Amino acid sequence: MASEICADAASCQQCIDEMSNPNDRRHLYPFTNCTHCGPRLSIVEGIPYDRQNTTMRVFEMCAACRAEYLNPLDRRFHAQPVACHDCGPQLIIHEYQCKPPSRDQRAWTAQQIEHIAAALRAGQIVAIKGLGGFHLSCDASNEEAVSRLRQRKQRYAKPLALMGQVLPAFAVTAKCQRWRNSNYAQRPPPSYY
C-alpha cells in the first residue's frame, strides 16, 4: 500500500493575517499554521499522519487549540501541527552572547526575528531549527555567504534550496524550473522552490 503525505506549504494569507494582528492570540507566533499551510512531510515520523506520529507529539494542545482541532467548521480541524504561544514550540536563539528573553514572549519573538534577519543581511550563516529539522540559511544574493555555505555543506555544484515569500523574489537569484514557474499561480506555494 502506498501513502503520500503532502509537502510542507508556505503560510496561507489567513495565517499571515493572524500573525500580523496585534489582537489575535497568534500575533507574531512564528509556527502558526492550519490545514491549508504549514509543516507536513518534514514533521512525520510514522503513519498514520496523526499528531502522535509527528515531531509535534511533545506539545500538548491548550484548550483553545484543541477546540479548533476538534471543530469540523474550523480551518484547523485535524491540523496535526496546530499550536500557539501557550502550547507550541517557542522561538529561541542559541548563541554565545544571547540575552535572556523578556517577560513578553511576543516582543522577544519580534526581537529574535530581527536579530536573525540582521545576521543574514550581514552575510552570516544561520542554522534555523524548524519543526522538521535544521536548515542552514544565508542571503542568496550574497555570493560570499553562499560560497561559505557550499563549503560547509560540501555541496559545490548541487543546487541549494531557496526560500522566499513570492516567486518574483527569486528572479534576481535563480532561474526557476519552467514547470514550477508556470504552475505557481494555480496552486498554493510550497515553502521551498
N, C-alpha and C. Protein backbone atom coordinates (compact mmCIF):
# COMPACT_ATOMS: atom_id res chain seq x y z
N MET A 1 0.84 -1.18 0.00
CA MET A 1 0.00 0.00 0.00
C MET A 1 0.89 1.24 0.00
N ALA A 2 0.63 2.16 -0.90
CA ALA A 2 1.39 3.41 -0.97
C ALA A 2 0.59 4.52 -0.31
N SER A 3 1.30 5.38 0.38
CA SER A 3 0.64 6.51 1.04
C SER A 3 1.48 7.75 0.82
N GLU A 4 0.84 8.81 0.39
CA GLU A 4 1.55 10.06 0.17
C GLU A 4 1.15 11.08 1.22
N ILE A 5 2.12 11.81 1.70
CA ILE A 5 1.87 12.89 2.65
C ILE A 5 2.23 14.18 1.94
N CYS A 6 1.39 15.17 2.07
CA CYS A 6 1.60 16.45 1.40
C CYS A 6 2.93 17.08 1.82
N ALA A 7 3.50 17.81 0.91
CA ALA A 7 4.71 18.57 1.21
C ALA A 7 4.36 19.74 2.12
N ASP A 8 5.35 20.24 2.82
CA ASP A 8 5.17 21.45 3.63
C ASP A 8 4.71 22.58 2.71
N ALA A 9 3.91 23.49 3.23
CA ALA A 9 3.41 24.60 2.42
C ALA A 9 3.64 25.92 3.14
N ALA A 10 3.93 26.94 2.36
CA ALA A 10 4.14 28.29 2.91
C ALA A 10 2.88 28.76 3.63
N SER A 11 3.05 29.68 4.54
CA SER A 11 1.92 30.22 5.31
C SER A 11 0.85 30.79 4.38
N CYS A 12 -0.40 30.44 4.67
CA CYS A 12 -1.51 30.97 3.88
C CYS A 12 -1.80 32.41 4.34
N GLN A 13 -2.56 33.13 3.55
CA GLN A 13 -2.86 34.53 3.87
C GLN A 13 -3.61 34.66 5.19
N GLN A 14 -4.51 33.72 5.48
CA GLN A 14 -5.25 33.79 6.74
C GLN A 14 -4.32 33.68 7.95
N CYS A 15 -3.36 32.78 7.88
CA CYS A 15 -2.40 32.64 8.98
C CYS A 15 -1.50 33.87 9.07
N ILE A 16 -1.09 34.41 7.94
CA ILE A 16 -0.28 35.63 7.94
C ILE A 16 -1.06 36.77 8.57
N ASP A 17 -2.35 36.87 8.23
CA ASP A 17 -3.19 37.92 8.82
C ASP A 17 -3.28 37.77 10.33
N GLU A 18 -3.41 36.53 10.81
CA GLU A 18 -3.46 36.30 12.26
C GLU A 18 -2.15 36.71 12.93
N MET A 19 -1.03 36.32 12.33
CA MET A 19 0.27 36.66 12.91
C MET A 19 0.52 38.16 12.91
N SER A 20 -0.10 38.87 11.98
CA SER A 20 0.09 40.32 11.85
C SER A 20 -0.88 41.13 12.70
N ASN A 21 -1.89 40.51 13.25
CA ASN A 21 -2.94 41.21 14.00
C ASN A 21 -2.60 41.25 15.49
N PRO A 22 -2.31 42.44 16.05
CA PRO A 22 -1.96 42.53 17.48
C PRO A 22 -3.06 42.04 18.41
N ASN A 23 -4.30 41.95 17.93
CA ASN A 23 -5.41 41.49 18.76
C ASN A 23 -5.65 39.99 18.65
N ASP A 24 -4.92 39.31 17.80
CA ASP A 24 -5.11 37.87 17.62
C ASP A 24 -4.23 37.10 18.59
N ARG A 25 -4.70 35.97 19.08
CA ARG A 25 -3.91 35.19 20.04
C ARG A 25 -2.65 34.59 19.42
N ARG A 26 -2.58 34.54 18.10
CA ARG A 26 -1.37 34.05 17.43
C ARG A 26 -0.51 35.19 16.88
N HIS A 27 -0.72 36.39 17.38
CA HIS A 27 0.08 37.54 16.93
C HIS A 27 1.57 37.24 17.11
N LEU A 28 2.32 37.34 16.04
CA LEU A 28 3.76 37.11 15.99
C LEU A 28 4.18 35.69 16.37
N TYR A 29 3.24 34.75 16.39
CA TYR A 29 3.64 33.36 16.67
C TYR A 29 4.18 32.74 15.39
N PRO A 30 5.49 32.45 15.34
CA PRO A 30 6.13 32.04 14.08
C PRO A 30 5.74 30.66 13.57
N PHE A 31 5.12 29.83 14.40
CA PHE A 31 4.76 28.48 13.97
C PHE A 31 3.26 28.35 13.67
N THR A 32 2.60 29.47 13.41
CA THR A 32 1.17 29.46 13.08
C THR A 32 0.94 28.67 11.79
N ASN A 33 -0.08 27.82 11.80
CA ASN A 33 -0.41 27.02 10.62
C ASN A 33 -1.86 26.59 10.69
N CYS A 34 -2.34 25.99 9.62
CA CYS A 34 -3.71 25.46 9.57
C CYS A 34 -3.72 24.31 8.57
N THR A 35 -4.89 23.84 8.19
CA THR A 35 -4.93 22.73 7.23
C THR A 35 -4.53 23.17 5.82
N HIS A 36 -4.42 24.47 5.59
CA HIS A 36 -4.04 24.98 4.26
C HIS A 36 -2.54 25.24 4.14
N CYS A 37 -1.84 25.25 5.26
CA CYS A 37 -0.42 25.61 5.21
C CYS A 37 0.34 24.99 6.38
N GLY A 38 1.66 25.15 6.34
CA GLY A 38 2.49 24.69 7.44
C GLY A 38 3.21 23.39 7.15
N PRO A 39 3.85 22.85 8.19
CA PRO A 39 4.64 21.64 8.01
C PRO A 39 3.76 20.41 7.83
N ARG A 40 4.22 19.49 7.02
CA ARG A 40 3.54 18.20 6.83
C ARG A 40 4.62 17.12 6.79
N LEU A 41 5.19 16.93 5.60
CA LEU A 41 6.16 15.86 5.40
C LEU A 41 7.37 15.99 6.33
N SER A 42 7.81 17.21 6.59
CA SER A 42 9.02 17.39 7.39
C SER A 42 8.84 17.00 8.86
N ILE A 43 7.60 16.88 9.34
CA ILE A 43 7.39 16.54 10.75
C ILE A 43 6.96 15.10 10.97
N VAL A 44 6.69 14.36 9.90
CA VAL A 44 6.19 12.99 10.02
C VAL A 44 7.29 12.05 10.47
N GLU A 45 6.96 11.22 11.45
CA GLU A 45 7.89 10.19 11.91
C GLU A 45 7.31 8.79 11.70
N GLY A 46 6.05 8.70 11.36
CA GLY A 46 5.39 7.41 11.14
C GLY A 46 4.00 7.63 10.59
N ILE A 47 3.35 6.53 10.24
CA ILE A 47 1.98 6.63 9.76
C ILE A 47 1.08 5.85 10.70
N PRO A 48 -0.17 6.22 10.80
CA PRO A 48 -0.86 7.25 10.04
C PRO A 48 -0.42 8.66 10.45
N TYR A 49 -0.73 9.63 9.59
CA TYR A 49 -0.37 11.02 9.86
C TYR A 49 -1.30 11.57 10.94
N ASP A 50 -0.94 11.31 12.17
CA ASP A 50 -1.62 11.83 13.35
C ASP A 50 -0.57 12.49 14.23
N ARG A 51 -1.00 13.39 15.07
CA ARG A 51 -0.07 14.18 15.88
C ARG A 51 0.92 13.29 16.63
N GLN A 52 0.47 12.16 17.17
CA GLN A 52 1.38 11.31 17.95
C GLN A 52 2.48 10.69 17.09
N ASN A 53 2.35 10.76 15.77
CA ASN A 53 3.38 10.26 14.86
C ASN A 53 4.16 11.38 14.19
N THR A 54 4.17 12.56 14.83
CA THR A 54 4.90 13.71 14.30
C THR A 54 5.81 14.28 15.38
N THR A 55 6.66 15.20 14.99
CA THR A 55 7.53 15.88 15.96
C THR A 55 6.73 16.76 16.91
N MET A 56 5.46 17.00 16.61
CA MET A 56 4.60 17.83 17.47
C MET A 56 4.02 17.05 18.64
N ARG A 57 4.26 15.75 18.74
CA ARG A 57 3.65 14.94 19.79
C ARG A 57 4.04 15.41 21.20
N VAL A 58 5.17 16.07 21.33
CA VAL A 58 5.63 16.51 22.66
C VAL A 58 4.94 17.79 23.12
N PHE A 59 4.15 18.42 22.25
CA PHE A 59 3.46 19.66 22.59
C PHE A 59 1.97 19.37 22.76
N GLU A 60 1.52 19.32 24.02
CA GLU A 60 0.11 19.07 24.29
C GLU A 60 -0.69 20.33 23.98
N MET A 61 -1.75 20.18 23.22
CA MET A 61 -2.57 21.33 22.83
C MET A 61 -3.25 21.97 24.04
N CYS A 62 -3.27 23.31 24.05
CA CYS A 62 -4.04 24.03 25.05
C CYS A 62 -5.52 23.90 24.71
N ALA A 63 -6.39 24.36 25.59
CA ALA A 63 -7.84 24.23 25.38
C ALA A 63 -8.29 24.94 24.10
N ALA A 64 -7.73 26.12 23.83
CA ALA A 64 -8.14 26.89 22.64
C ALA A 64 -7.73 26.16 21.35
N CYS A 65 -6.51 25.64 21.30
CA CYS A 65 -6.06 24.91 20.11
C CYS A 65 -6.85 23.61 19.95
N ARG A 66 -7.11 22.93 21.06
CA ARG A 66 -7.88 21.68 21.00
C ARG A 66 -9.29 21.93 20.47
N ALA A 67 -9.90 23.04 20.88
CA ALA A 67 -11.24 23.38 20.39
C ALA A 67 -11.22 23.58 18.87
N GLU A 68 -10.20 24.27 18.36
CA GLU A 68 -10.07 24.46 16.90
C GLU A 68 -9.88 23.11 16.21
N TYR A 69 -9.01 22.29 16.78
CA TYR A 69 -8.67 20.99 16.21
C TYR A 69 -9.89 20.07 16.11
N LEU A 70 -10.79 20.17 17.07
CA LEU A 70 -11.96 19.29 17.12
C LEU A 70 -13.20 19.84 16.41
N ASN A 71 -13.15 21.10 15.98
CA ASN A 71 -14.31 21.74 15.36
C ASN A 71 -14.28 21.53 13.84
N PRO A 72 -15.22 20.73 13.29
CA PRO A 72 -15.20 20.47 11.84
C PRO A 72 -15.45 21.71 10.98
N LEU A 73 -15.90 22.80 11.60
CA LEU A 73 -16.13 24.04 10.84
C LEU A 73 -14.92 24.97 10.88
N ASP A 74 -13.90 24.60 11.62
CA ASP A 74 -12.70 25.43 11.77
C ASP A 74 -11.65 25.01 10.75
N ARG A 75 -10.88 25.95 10.23
CA ARG A 75 -9.85 25.59 9.25
C ARG A 75 -8.68 24.84 9.89
N ARG A 76 -8.66 24.74 11.21
CA ARG A 76 -7.63 23.96 11.90
C ARG A 76 -8.16 22.59 12.34
N PHE A 77 -9.33 22.21 11.83
CA PHE A 77 -9.90 20.90 12.14
C PHE A 77 -8.92 19.81 11.69
N HIS A 78 -8.45 19.05 12.63
CA HIS A 78 -7.49 17.96 12.43
C HIS A 78 -6.18 18.42 11.78
N ALA A 79 -5.80 19.67 12.00
CA ALA A 79 -4.48 20.15 11.57
C ALA A 79 -3.49 19.64 12.62
N GLN A 80 -2.71 18.64 12.28
CA GLN A 80 -1.85 17.97 13.26
C GLN A 80 -0.85 18.91 13.95
N PRO A 81 -0.24 19.87 13.24
CA PRO A 81 0.74 20.72 13.92
C PRO A 81 0.17 21.97 14.60
N VAL A 82 -1.16 22.06 14.77
CA VAL A 82 -1.76 23.26 15.36
C VAL A 82 -1.12 23.55 16.72
N ALA A 83 -0.82 24.84 16.95
CA ALA A 83 -0.17 25.26 18.19
C ALA A 83 -0.29 26.78 18.31
N CYS A 84 0.09 27.29 19.47
CA CYS A 84 0.07 28.74 19.71
C CYS A 84 1.16 29.08 20.72
N HIS A 85 1.22 30.35 21.12
CA HIS A 85 2.20 30.80 22.12
C HIS A 85 2.11 29.97 23.40
N ASP A 86 0.89 29.57 23.78
CA ASP A 86 0.68 28.90 25.06
C ASP A 86 1.07 27.43 25.07
N CYS A 87 0.98 26.75 23.93
CA CYS A 87 1.19 25.31 23.96
C CYS A 87 2.21 24.78 22.96
N GLY A 88 2.67 25.60 22.05
CA GLY A 88 3.54 25.10 20.99
C GLY A 88 5.01 25.41 21.19
N PRO A 89 5.81 25.07 20.19
CA PRO A 89 7.24 25.37 20.25
C PRO A 89 7.46 26.88 20.32
N GLN A 90 8.57 27.26 20.92
CA GLN A 90 8.91 28.67 21.06
C GLN A 90 10.16 28.98 20.25
N LEU A 91 10.25 30.20 19.79
CA LEU A 91 11.41 30.66 19.04
C LEU A 91 12.47 31.13 20.02
N ILE A 92 13.65 30.54 19.95
CA ILE A 92 14.76 30.97 20.80
C ILE A 92 16.02 31.04 19.94
N ILE A 93 16.97 31.82 20.41
CA ILE A 93 18.26 31.93 19.72
C ILE A 93 19.33 31.37 20.66
N HIS A 94 20.15 30.48 20.13
CA HIS A 94 21.28 29.96 20.89
C HIS A 94 22.54 30.56 20.26
N GLU A 95 23.19 31.41 20.99
CA GLU A 95 24.47 31.95 20.55
C GLU A 95 25.26 32.34 21.79
N TYR A 96 26.49 32.63 21.61
CA TYR A 96 27.38 32.86 22.74
C TYR A 96 26.90 33.97 23.67
N GLN A 97 26.51 35.11 23.12
CA GLN A 97 26.15 36.25 23.96
C GLN A 97 24.66 36.59 23.88
N CYS A 98 23.82 35.58 23.84
CA CYS A 98 22.38 35.81 23.74
C CYS A 98 21.83 36.28 25.08
N LYS A 99 21.05 37.36 25.04
CA LYS A 99 20.41 37.85 26.25
C LYS A 99 19.16 37.01 26.52
N PRO A 100 18.81 36.80 27.80
CA PRO A 100 17.61 36.01 28.09
C PRO A 100 16.36 36.71 27.60
N PRO A 101 15.31 35.95 27.30
CA PRO A 101 14.08 36.56 26.80
C PRO A 101 13.42 37.46 27.83
N SER A 102 12.73 38.48 27.33
CA SER A 102 11.97 39.35 28.21
C SER A 102 10.73 38.60 28.67
N ARG A 103 10.00 39.18 29.59
CA ARG A 103 8.77 38.54 30.07
C ARG A 103 7.71 38.51 28.98
N ASP A 104 7.79 39.44 28.05
CA ASP A 104 6.81 39.48 26.97
C ASP A 104 7.32 38.62 25.81
N GLN A 105 6.87 37.37 25.73
CA GLN A 105 7.34 36.42 24.72
C GLN A 105 7.15 36.95 23.31
N ARG A 106 6.07 37.69 23.06
CA ARG A 106 5.83 38.19 21.71
C ARG A 106 6.85 39.25 21.33
N ALA A 107 7.20 40.11 22.26
CA ALA A 107 8.23 41.11 21.99
C ALA A 107 9.56 40.41 21.74
N TRP A 108 9.84 39.37 22.52
CA TRP A 108 11.08 38.61 22.36
C TRP A 108 11.10 37.96 20.98
N THR A 109 9.99 37.42 20.53
CA THR A 109 9.93 36.80 19.22
C THR A 109 10.26 37.81 18.12
N ALA A 110 9.69 39.00 18.19
CA ALA A 110 9.97 40.03 17.20
C ALA A 110 11.45 40.42 17.24
N GLN A 111 12.02 40.53 18.44
CA GLN A 111 13.44 40.86 18.58
C GLN A 111 14.31 39.76 17.97
N GLN A 112 13.95 38.51 18.21
CA GLN A 112 14.72 37.40 17.68
C GLN A 112 14.69 37.38 16.15
N ILE A 113 13.52 37.58 15.60
CA ILE A 113 13.41 37.58 14.14
C ILE A 113 14.25 38.69 13.54
N GLU A 114 14.23 39.87 14.13
CA GLU A 114 15.05 40.98 13.63
C GLU A 114 16.54 40.66 13.79
N HIS A 115 16.91 40.03 14.90
CA HIS A 115 18.31 39.64 15.13
C HIS A 115 18.78 38.66 14.05
N ILE A 116 17.95 37.68 13.74
CA ILE A 116 18.29 36.69 12.70
C ILE A 116 18.37 37.37 11.34
N ALA A 117 17.42 38.25 11.03
CA ALA A 117 17.43 38.96 9.75
C ALA A 117 18.69 39.81 9.62
N ALA A 118 19.10 40.46 10.70
CA ALA A 118 20.32 41.28 10.67
C ALA A 118 21.55 40.40 10.42
N ALA A 119 21.58 39.22 11.04
CA ALA A 119 22.70 38.30 10.83
C ALA A 119 22.76 37.85 9.37
N LEU A 120 21.62 37.56 8.78
CA LEU A 120 21.58 37.15 7.37
C LEU A 120 22.02 38.30 6.47
N ARG A 121 21.54 39.52 6.76
CA ARG A 121 21.94 40.69 5.96
C ARG A 121 23.44 40.94 6.07
N ALA A 122 24.03 40.58 7.22
CA ALA A 122 25.46 40.78 7.44
C ALA A 122 26.31 39.68 6.80
N GLY A 123 25.66 38.73 6.12
CA GLY A 123 26.41 37.68 5.44
C GLY A 123 26.70 36.46 6.29
N GLN A 124 26.08 36.35 7.44
CA GLN A 124 26.31 35.20 8.30
C GLN A 124 25.47 34.01 7.85
N ILE A 125 25.90 32.82 8.25
CA ILE A 125 25.13 31.60 8.02
C ILE A 125 24.39 31.30 9.32
N VAL A 126 23.10 31.06 9.21
CA VAL A 126 22.25 30.84 10.38
C VAL A 126 21.65 29.45 10.28
N ALA A 127 21.71 28.68 11.37
CA ALA A 127 21.04 27.38 11.44
C ALA A 127 19.66 27.62 12.03
N ILE A 128 18.64 27.30 11.27
CA ILE A 128 17.26 27.50 11.71
C ILE A 128 16.65 26.13 11.95
N LYS A 129 16.25 25.88 13.21
CA LYS A 129 15.60 24.61 13.52
C LYS A 129 14.11 24.80 13.37
N GLY A 130 13.54 24.10 12.43
CA GLY A 130 12.10 24.13 12.24
C GLY A 130 11.47 22.93 12.92
N LEU A 131 10.21 22.72 12.68
CA LEU A 131 9.52 21.59 13.30
C LEU A 131 10.02 20.26 12.77
N GLY A 132 10.66 20.27 11.60
CA GLY A 132 11.11 19.03 10.99
C GLY A 132 12.61 18.85 10.93
N GLY A 133 13.39 19.77 11.43
CA GLY A 133 14.84 19.64 11.38
C GLY A 133 15.52 20.99 11.24
N PHE A 134 16.81 20.96 10.89
CA PHE A 134 17.59 22.18 10.77
C PHE A 134 17.76 22.58 9.31
N HIS A 135 17.80 23.89 9.08
CA HIS A 135 18.07 24.44 7.76
C HIS A 135 19.23 25.42 7.92
N LEU A 136 20.32 25.19 7.21
CA LEU A 136 21.40 26.16 7.19
C LEU A 136 21.03 27.21 6.16
N SER A 137 21.02 28.47 6.57
CA SER A 137 20.50 29.54 5.72
C SER A 137 21.48 30.68 5.59
N CYS A 138 21.41 31.35 4.44
CA CYS A 138 22.18 32.56 4.21
C CYS A 138 21.44 33.41 3.19
N ASP A 139 21.91 34.61 2.97
CA ASP A 139 21.32 35.50 1.97
C ASP A 139 21.78 35.03 0.59
N ALA A 140 20.84 34.56 -0.22
CA ALA A 140 21.17 34.00 -1.53
C ALA A 140 21.76 35.03 -2.48
N SER A 141 21.57 36.32 -2.20
CA SER A 141 22.14 37.35 -3.07
C SER A 141 23.57 37.73 -2.66
N ASN A 142 24.07 37.14 -1.58
CA ASN A 142 25.42 37.41 -1.10
C ASN A 142 26.32 36.25 -1.54
N GLU A 143 27.13 36.49 -2.59
CA GLU A 143 27.95 35.42 -3.17
C GLU A 143 28.93 34.83 -2.17
N GLU A 144 29.53 35.67 -1.32
CA GLU A 144 30.48 35.16 -0.32
C GLU A 144 29.79 34.24 0.68
N ALA A 145 28.60 34.62 1.13
CA ALA A 145 27.86 33.80 2.09
C ALA A 145 27.46 32.46 1.45
N VAL A 146 27.00 32.50 0.20
CA VAL A 146 26.62 31.27 -0.49
C VAL A 146 27.84 30.38 -0.67
N SER A 147 28.98 30.96 -1.00
CA SER A 147 30.21 30.19 -1.16
C SER A 147 30.61 29.51 0.16
N ARG A 148 30.52 30.24 1.28
CA ARG A 148 30.83 29.65 2.59
C ARG A 148 29.84 28.54 2.93
N LEU A 149 28.57 28.75 2.61
CA LEU A 149 27.56 27.72 2.89
C LEU A 149 27.85 26.46 2.07
N ARG A 150 28.18 26.64 0.79
CA ARG A 150 28.51 25.49 -0.07
C ARG A 150 29.72 24.75 0.49
N GLN A 151 30.71 25.49 0.96
CA GLN A 151 31.91 24.88 1.51
C GLN A 151 31.57 24.08 2.78
N ARG A 152 30.80 24.67 3.67
CA ARG A 152 30.44 23.99 4.92
C ARG A 152 29.60 22.74 4.68
N LYS A 153 28.72 22.82 3.68
CA LYS A 153 27.85 21.67 3.38
C LYS A 153 28.53 20.69 2.41
N GLN A 154 29.71 21.07 1.90
CA GLN A 154 30.43 20.30 0.89
C GLN A 154 29.49 20.00 -0.28
N ARG A 155 28.87 21.05 -0.73
CA ARG A 155 27.87 20.97 -1.82
C ARG A 155 28.25 22.01 -2.87
N TYR A 156 29.28 21.70 -3.63
CA TYR A 156 29.87 22.69 -4.51
C TYR A 156 29.09 22.90 -5.81
N ALA A 157 28.37 21.90 -6.28
CA ALA A 157 27.67 22.03 -7.56
C ALA A 157 26.17 21.80 -7.47
N LYS A 158 25.74 20.99 -6.52
CA LYS A 158 24.31 20.67 -6.41
C LYS A 158 23.53 21.91 -6.02
N PRO A 159 22.38 22.14 -6.65
CA PRO A 159 21.59 23.33 -6.32
C PRO A 159 21.16 23.34 -4.85
N LEU A 160 21.09 24.52 -4.28
CA LEU A 160 20.62 24.70 -2.91
C LEU A 160 19.15 25.09 -2.95
N ALA A 161 18.42 24.74 -1.91
CA ALA A 161 17.01 25.14 -1.80
C ALA A 161 16.93 26.64 -1.56
N LEU A 162 15.90 27.26 -2.10
CA LEU A 162 15.65 28.68 -1.88
C LEU A 162 14.34 28.83 -1.12
N MET A 163 14.30 29.79 -0.22
CA MET A 163 13.06 30.11 0.49
C MET A 163 12.73 31.56 0.18
N GLY A 164 11.47 31.84 -0.02
CA GLY A 164 11.06 33.20 -0.29
C GLY A 164 9.56 33.35 -0.16
N GLN A 165 9.13 34.58 -0.07
CA GLN A 165 7.71 34.83 0.13
C GLN A 165 6.91 34.74 -1.16
N VAL A 166 7.45 35.24 -2.25
CA VAL A 166 6.75 35.23 -3.53
C VAL A 166 7.72 34.86 -4.64
N LEU A 167 7.21 34.25 -5.70
CA LEU A 167 8.06 33.79 -6.79
C LEU A 167 8.92 34.90 -7.41
N PRO A 168 8.41 36.11 -7.64
CA PRO A 168 9.26 37.15 -8.24
C PRO A 168 10.53 37.45 -7.42
N ALA A 169 10.52 37.14 -6.13
CA ALA A 169 11.71 37.38 -5.31
C ALA A 169 12.89 36.55 -5.79
N PHE A 170 12.63 35.45 -6.48
CA PHE A 170 13.70 34.58 -6.95
C PHE A 170 14.30 35.03 -8.27
N ALA A 171 13.66 35.94 -8.95
CA ALA A 171 14.09 36.34 -10.29
C ALA A 171 15.53 36.82 -10.33
N VAL A 172 15.98 37.50 -9.29
CA VAL A 172 17.34 38.03 -9.29
C VAL A 172 18.37 37.00 -8.87
N THR A 173 17.96 35.92 -8.23
CA THR A 173 18.93 34.97 -7.72
C THR A 173 18.88 33.59 -8.36
N ALA A 174 17.83 33.31 -9.12
CA ALA A 174 17.73 31.95 -9.64
C ALA A 174 16.96 31.91 -10.96
N LYS A 175 17.20 30.86 -11.70
CA LYS A 175 16.40 30.55 -12.87
C LYS A 175 15.49 29.41 -12.46
N CYS A 176 14.23 29.72 -12.20
CA CYS A 176 13.28 28.70 -11.73
C CYS A 176 12.99 27.71 -12.85
N GLN A 177 12.76 26.48 -12.46
CA GLN A 177 12.38 25.48 -13.44
C GLN A 177 11.07 25.91 -14.09
N ARG A 178 10.98 25.72 -15.40
CA ARG A 178 9.82 26.19 -16.15
C ARG A 178 8.51 25.64 -15.58
N TRP A 179 8.46 24.35 -15.24
CA TRP A 179 7.19 23.78 -14.76
C TRP A 179 6.79 24.37 -13.43
N ARG A 180 7.73 24.65 -12.56
CA ARG A 180 7.39 25.24 -11.27
C ARG A 180 6.88 26.66 -11.48
N ASN A 181 7.55 27.40 -12.34
CA ASN A 181 7.17 28.78 -12.59
C ASN A 181 5.78 28.86 -13.22
N SER A 182 5.50 28.00 -14.18
CA SER A 182 4.22 28.07 -14.89
C SER A 182 3.06 27.58 -14.03
N ASN A 183 3.31 26.69 -13.10
CA ASN A 183 2.24 26.16 -12.25
C ASN A 183 2.03 26.98 -10.98
N TYR A 184 2.87 27.93 -10.73
CA TYR A 184 2.83 28.67 -9.46
C TYR A 184 1.47 29.30 -9.19
N ALA A 185 0.87 29.92 -10.18
CA ALA A 185 -0.39 30.63 -9.97
C ALA A 185 -1.57 29.69 -9.73
N GLN A 186 -1.45 28.42 -10.12
CA GLN A 186 -2.58 27.50 -9.98
C GLN A 186 -2.61 26.74 -8.66
N ARG A 187 -1.62 26.90 -7.79
CA ARG A 187 -1.61 26.12 -6.56
C ARG A 187 -1.00 26.94 -5.43
N PRO A 188 -1.27 26.54 -4.20
CA PRO A 188 -0.64 27.24 -3.08
C PRO A 188 0.87 27.04 -3.14
N PRO A 189 1.64 28.03 -2.76
CA PRO A 189 3.09 27.90 -2.86
C PRO A 189 3.66 26.95 -1.81
N PRO A 190 4.59 26.07 -2.22
CA PRO A 190 5.30 25.29 -1.21
C PRO A 190 6.27 26.22 -0.48
N SER A 191 6.84 25.76 0.60
CA SER A 191 7.74 26.63 1.33
C SER A 191 9.12 26.67 0.70
N TYR A 192 9.45 25.72 -0.19
CA TYR A 192 10.74 25.70 -0.86
C TYR A 192 10.52 25.59 -2.36
N TYR A 193 11.32 26.28 -3.13
CA TYR A 193 11.22 26.22 -4.58
C TYR A 193 12.52 25.69 -5.13
